[in-house]
């Protein structure tokens, strides 16, 4: 039977789900906002893929800085248990590999990434904050890696957290699962500073403005070298840093900085790095 204009077969097209990550650029700064508040900004598999793609796109752009924020009453509740319930070993392994790629991307893109934490960041959400280059939190924020008091220990979040706050405090967080308030998180070194809730936006804007001054390429080389050397023993770290710094002294922006200092003028930097 033929189909008339008024008897079309049902469409198989489905509307694309709303984006889990909102992307907004203001001047030289891009803000990536986790935007599934009804899901407590859980880091479901599709969310992690979307955030990784967004970070990669910013890394390939001429933006100078990145802010990682979230909407809703929770910054991020961590992994989505629905992705793990009944999963096979291969599926679970893939999930955590995707998560690791997302965390590594934060540290591999050339721009400084600043976490703006307004509320609770738990499990992989806490790992996300710990993986950012810098972090500012509101007084009402909290941080936890609670797997130790549940059925799945926070193995991968502990990798990032322990590289920020040291073994004893990291294990205290992981074994107790207790929430650490923002003031304690700042004292321990998990975040850079804590501010009153109504000053969070201004504090993040101020920090981003200060960490995006100077040569973008020089700063990108510095970020890359930091992560390359920070886990090495001191002699190896110095060997790496000496080679990087000697090579970096040759780039045009470095030479412009030297010349401007000697000539008592403001430098003009033009080089930008890409991921």
Protein backbone atom coordinates (compact mmCIF):
# COMPACT_ATOMS: atom_id res chain seq x y z
CA UNK A 1 0.00 0.00 0.00
CA UNK A 2 1.35 3.41 -0.93
CA UNK A 3 1.87 6.11 1.64
CA UNK A 4 0.22 9.50 1.08
CA UNK A 5 1.48 12.86 2.24
CA UNK A 6 -0.77 12.62 5.27
CA UNK A 7 0.15 9.01 6.06
CA UNK A 8 3.87 9.15 6.64
CA UNK A 9 5.58 6.26 8.36
CA UNK A 10 6.55 6.96 11.96
CA UNK A 11 9.94 8.65 12.27
CA UNK A 12 12.78 6.71 13.80
CA UNK A 13 14.70 9.89 14.53
CA UNK A 14 15.13 10.78 18.17
CA UNK A 15 15.94 14.17 19.53
CA UNK A 16 19.52 14.39 20.69
CA UNK A 17 19.81 14.44 24.48
CA UNK A 18 20.66 17.84 25.95
CA UNK A 19 24.35 18.54 26.32
CA UNK A 20 25.83 17.45 29.62
CA UNK A 21 28.55 20.10 29.40
CA UNK A 22 27.77 23.73 28.66
CA UNK A 23 30.55 25.59 26.84
CA UNK A 24 30.84 29.36 27.07
CA UNK A 25 33.68 31.60 25.92
CA UNK A 26 34.20 35.07 27.35
CA UNK A 27 37.21 36.73 25.78
CA UNK A 28 40.21 34.46 26.19
CA UNK A 29 38.63 32.21 28.84
CA UNK A 30 36.38 29.20 28.22
CA UNK A 31 34.06 27.94 30.97
CA UNK A 32 33.01 24.29 30.84
CA UNK A 33 30.03 23.68 33.10
CA UNK A 34 28.73 20.27 34.13
CA UNK A 35 25.03 20.71 33.47
CA UNK A 36 23.06 17.68 34.63
CA UNK A 37 22.00 18.89 38.07
CA UNK A 38 19.10 16.43 38.16
CA UNK A 39 21.70 13.64 37.99
CA UNK A 40 23.95 15.37 40.55
CA UNK A 41 26.38 15.89 37.67
CA UNK A 42 27.36 12.25 37.83
CA UNK A 43 30.28 11.38 35.56
CA UNK A 44 28.40 8.88 33.41
CA UNK A 45 30.26 7.45 30.45
CA UNK A 46 28.68 9.84 27.93
CA UNK A 47 29.39 12.82 30.21
CA UNK A 48 33.07 11.91 30.47
CA UNK A 49 33.35 11.53 26.69
CA UNK A 50 31.64 14.90 26.18
CA UNK A 51 33.84 16.66 28.72
CA UNK A 52 36.98 15.12 27.24
CA UNK A 53 35.95 16.28 23.76
CA UNK A 54 35.24 19.79 25.08
CA UNK A 55 38.61 19.96 26.83
CA UNK A 56 40.38 18.76 23.68
CA UNK A 57 38.61 21.39 21.57
CA UNK A 58 39.65 24.14 23.99
CA UNK A 59 43.19 22.78 23.98
CA UNK A 60 43.28 23.14 20.20
CA UNK A 61 41.91 26.69 20.34
CA UNK A 62 43.53 30.06 21.01
CA UNK A 63 41.88 30.37 24.41
CA UNK A 64 44.20 31.23 27.28
CA UNK A 65 42.41 29.69 30.26
CA UNK A 66 39.70 27.22 31.26
CA UNK A 67 37.26 27.25 34.16
CA UNK A 68 35.60 23.96 35.12
CA UNK A 69 32.32 24.60 36.93
CA UNK A 70 28.99 22.89 37.61
CA UNK A 71 25.31 23.74 37.96
CA UNK A 72 23.02 22.51 40.69
CA UNK A 73 23.28 21.55 44.36
CA UNK A 74 26.24 19.17 43.81
CA UNK A 75 29.46 19.85 41.92
CA UNK A 76 29.72 16.18 40.96
CA UNK A 77 28.66 12.96 42.64
CA UNK A 78 31.29 10.93 40.79
CA UNK A 79 30.74 7.89 38.62
CA UNK A 80 27.29 6.76 37.60
CA UNK A 81 26.58 3.45 39.36
CA UNK A 82 24.26 2.56 36.50
CA UNK A 83 27.31 2.25 34.24
CA UNK A 84 28.82 -0.33 36.58
CA UNK A 85 25.86 -2.34 37.82
CA UNK A 86 25.93 -5.66 36.00
CA UNK A 87 28.84 -4.58 33.80
CA UNK A 88 31.42 -7.04 32.50
CA UNK A 89 35.09 -6.69 33.41
CA UNK A 90 35.85 -5.28 29.95
CA UNK A 91 33.04 -2.75 30.28
CA UNK A 92 34.19 -1.66 33.74
CA UNK A 93 37.78 -1.40 32.56
CA UNK A 94 36.68 0.74 29.60
CA UNK A 95 34.74 3.05 31.92
CA UNK A 96 37.76 3.75 34.09
CA UNK A 97 40.05 4.10 31.07
CA UNK A 98 37.72 6.78 29.68
CA UNK A 99 37.77 8.48 33.08
CA UNK A 100 41.56 8.40 33.18
CA UNK A 101 41.75 9.88 29.69
CA UNK A 102 39.50 12.73 30.82
CA UNK A 103 41.68 13.45 33.88
CA UNK A 104 44.86 13.25 31.79
CA UNK A 105 43.40 15.62 29.19
CA UNK A 106 42.94 18.29 31.85
CA UNK A 107 46.65 18.19 32.54
CA UNK A 108 47.80 17.76 28.94
CA UNK A 109 46.06 20.75 27.33
CA UNK A 110 48.21 23.90 27.26
CA UNK A 111 45.81 26.17 29.13
CA UNK A 112 45.60 26.38 32.93
CA UNK A 113 42.40 24.67 34.12
CA UNK A 114 40.80 26.14 37.25
CA UNK A 115 38.07 24.25 39.10
CA UNK A 116 35.30 26.44 40.52
CA UNK A 117 33.75 24.31 43.25
CA UNK A 118 30.51 25.59 44.74
CA UNK A 119 29.25 22.41 46.42
CA UNK A 120 30.04 18.77 47.21
CA UNK A 121 32.60 17.01 45.00
CA UNK A 122 32.68 13.33 45.80
CA UNK A 123 34.46 10.21 44.47
CA UNK A 124 35.40 10.84 40.82
CA UNK A 125 34.03 14.36 41.28
CA UNK A 126 36.70 14.93 43.92
CA UNK A 127 39.21 13.31 41.55
CA UNK A 128 38.15 15.81 38.89
CA UNK A 129 38.95 18.74 41.19
CA UNK A 130 42.26 17.16 42.22
CA UNK A 131 43.21 16.72 38.56
CA UNK A 132 42.67 20.39 37.72
CA UNK A 133 45.75 22.61 37.72
CA UNK A 134 44.18 24.95 40.27
CA UNK A 135 40.98 25.01 42.33
CA UNK A 136 38.96 27.56 44.28
CA UNK A 137 36.04 26.51 46.46
CA UNK A 138 33.16 28.20 48.23
CA UNK A 139 32.95 27.84 52.00
CA UNK A 140 29.92 25.56 51.59
CA UNK A 141 31.78 23.10 49.35
CA UNK A 142 32.93 19.70 50.55
CA UNK A 143 35.15 16.92 49.29
CA UNK A 144 35.01 13.16 49.77
CA UNK A 145 36.21 9.87 48.34
CA UNK A 146 33.65 7.70 50.11
CA UNK A 147 34.21 4.27 48.59
CA UNK A 148 35.94 3.05 51.73
CA UNK A 149 32.64 3.02 53.61
CA UNK A 150 30.77 1.45 50.69
CA UNK A 151 31.20 -1.50 48.39
CA UNK A 152 33.75 -0.11 45.93
CA UNK A 153 36.93 1.56 47.18
CA UNK A 154 37.90 4.78 45.38
CA UNK A 155 41.02 3.35 43.73
CA UNK A 156 41.31 5.76 40.79
CA UNK A 157 40.21 8.91 42.67
CA UNK A 158 42.92 8.18 45.22
CA UNK A 159 45.57 8.46 42.50
CA UNK A 160 44.77 12.12 41.93
CA UNK A 161 43.96 13.01 45.53
CA UNK A 162 47.16 11.47 46.91
CA UNK A 163 49.20 13.56 44.49
CA UNK A 164 47.74 16.68 46.05
CA UNK A 165 47.59 16.08 49.80
CA UNK A 166 50.04 13.33 50.75
CA UNK A 167 49.64 9.73 51.86
CA UNK A 168 48.26 9.99 55.39
CA UNK A 169 45.56 12.52 54.61
CA UNK A 170 44.65 10.84 51.32
CA UNK A 171 44.23 7.49 53.06
CA UNK A 172 42.20 9.11 55.82
CA UNK A 173 39.81 10.46 53.20
CA UNK A 174 39.68 7.12 51.36
CA UNK A 175 39.35 4.83 54.37
CA UNK A 176 36.83 6.89 56.34
CA UNK A 177 34.88 8.28 53.39
CA UNK A 178 34.19 11.36 55.49
CA UNK A 179 33.48 14.71 53.87
CA UNK A 180 36.29 17.23 54.24
CA UNK A 181 35.11 20.82 54.42
CA UNK A 182 36.54 23.47 52.12
CA UNK A 183 38.68 25.12 54.79
CA UNK A 184 40.35 21.80 55.59
CA UNK A 185 40.75 21.02 51.88
CA UNK A 186 42.60 24.31 51.44
CA UNK A 187 44.79 23.64 54.49
CA UNK A 188 45.64 20.17 53.16
CA UNK A 189 46.43 21.44 49.65
CA UNK A 190 43.56 19.84 47.75
CA UNK A 191 42.43 23.30 46.63
CA UNK A 192 44.22 26.63 46.37
CA UNK A 193 41.86 28.68 48.50
CA UNK A 194 38.39 28.89 50.00
CA UNK A 195 36.21 31.99 49.82
CA UNK A 196 32.74 33.02 50.97
CA UNK A 197 30.07 31.63 48.66
CA UNK A 198 29.12 35.02 47.24
CA UNK A 199 32.78 35.76 46.36
CA UNK A 200 33.46 32.56 44.41
CA UNK A 201 32.91 33.99 40.95
CA UNK A 202 35.15 37.01 41.60
CA UNK A 203 37.86 34.87 43.21
CA UNK A 204 37.98 32.53 40.22
CA UNK A 205 37.99 35.43 37.75
CA UNK A 206 40.87 37.03 39.63
CA UNK A 207 42.93 33.83 39.69
CA UNK A 208 42.30 33.12 36.02
CA UNK A 209 43.35 36.67 35.10
CA UNK A 210 46.59 36.26 37.01
CA UNK A 211 47.49 32.84 35.58
CA UNK A 212 46.87 33.88 31.97
CA UNK A 213 49.34 36.78 31.90
CA UNK A 214 52.55 36.64 29.90
CA UNK A 215 53.46 34.33 27.04
CA UNK A 216 50.87 31.64 26.39
CA UNK A 217 53.48 29.37 24.82
CA UNK A 218 55.93 29.79 27.70
CA UNK A 219 53.16 29.01 30.18
CA UNK A 220 52.09 25.92 28.21
CA UNK A 221 55.66 24.63 28.15
CA UNK A 222 55.82 25.23 31.89
CA UNK A 223 52.63 23.31 32.60
CA UNK A 224 53.77 20.37 30.47
CA UNK A 225 57.20 20.30 32.09
CA UNK A 226 55.72 20.49 35.59
CA UNK A 227 53.67 17.33 35.14
CA UNK A 228 56.57 15.59 33.42
CA UNK A 229 59.02 16.22 36.27
CA UNK A 230 56.90 16.31 39.41
CA UNK A 231 56.95 12.54 39.89
CA UNK A 232 60.65 12.09 39.12
CA UNK A 233 63.53 11.89 41.57
CA UNK A 234 65.36 15.20 41.95
CA UNK A 235 68.34 14.50 39.63
CA UNK A 236 66.01 13.27 36.87
CA UNK A 237 63.68 16.22 37.42
CA UNK A 238 66.54 18.68 37.08
CA UNK A 239 67.83 16.98 33.93
CA UNK A 240 64.41 17.32 32.38
CA UNK A 241 63.89 20.90 33.57
CA UNK A 242 67.33 22.04 32.37
CA UNK A 243 66.68 20.76 28.87
CA UNK A 244 63.20 22.25 28.72
CA UNK A 245 64.30 25.61 30.11
CA UNK A 246 67.29 25.87 27.79
CA UNK A 247 65.11 25.09 24.78
CA UNK A 248 62.38 27.46 25.99
CA UNK A 249 64.91 30.30 26.22
CA UNK A 250 65.26 30.07 22.44
CA UNK A 251 61.61 30.74 21.56
CA UNK A 252 60.72 34.21 20.21
CA UNK A 253 58.53 35.09 23.20
CA UNK A 254 61.40 34.41 25.59
CA UNK A 255 63.75 36.52 23.53
CA UNK A 256 61.13 39.27 23.43
CA UNK A 257 60.89 39.12 27.22
CA UNK A 258 64.67 39.47 27.59
CA UNK A 259 64.79 42.37 25.13
CA UNK A 260 61.86 44.19 26.76
CA UNK A 261 63.49 43.93 30.20
CA UNK A 262 66.84 45.21 28.94
CA UNK A 263 65.19 47.99 26.95
CA UNK A 264 62.89 48.93 29.86
CA UNK A 265 59.64 48.50 27.93
CA UNK A 266 56.57 46.27 28.09
CA UNK A 267 56.97 42.99 26.19
CA UNK A 268 54.66 41.99 23.35
CA UNK A 269 54.05 38.25 23.28
CA UNK A 270 52.43 36.57 20.28
CA UNK A 271 53.08 32.85 20.51
CA UNK A 272 50.29 30.47 21.54
CA UNK A 273 50.40 26.75 22.06
CA UNK A 274 47.99 24.09 20.85
CA UNK A 275 47.22 20.72 22.32
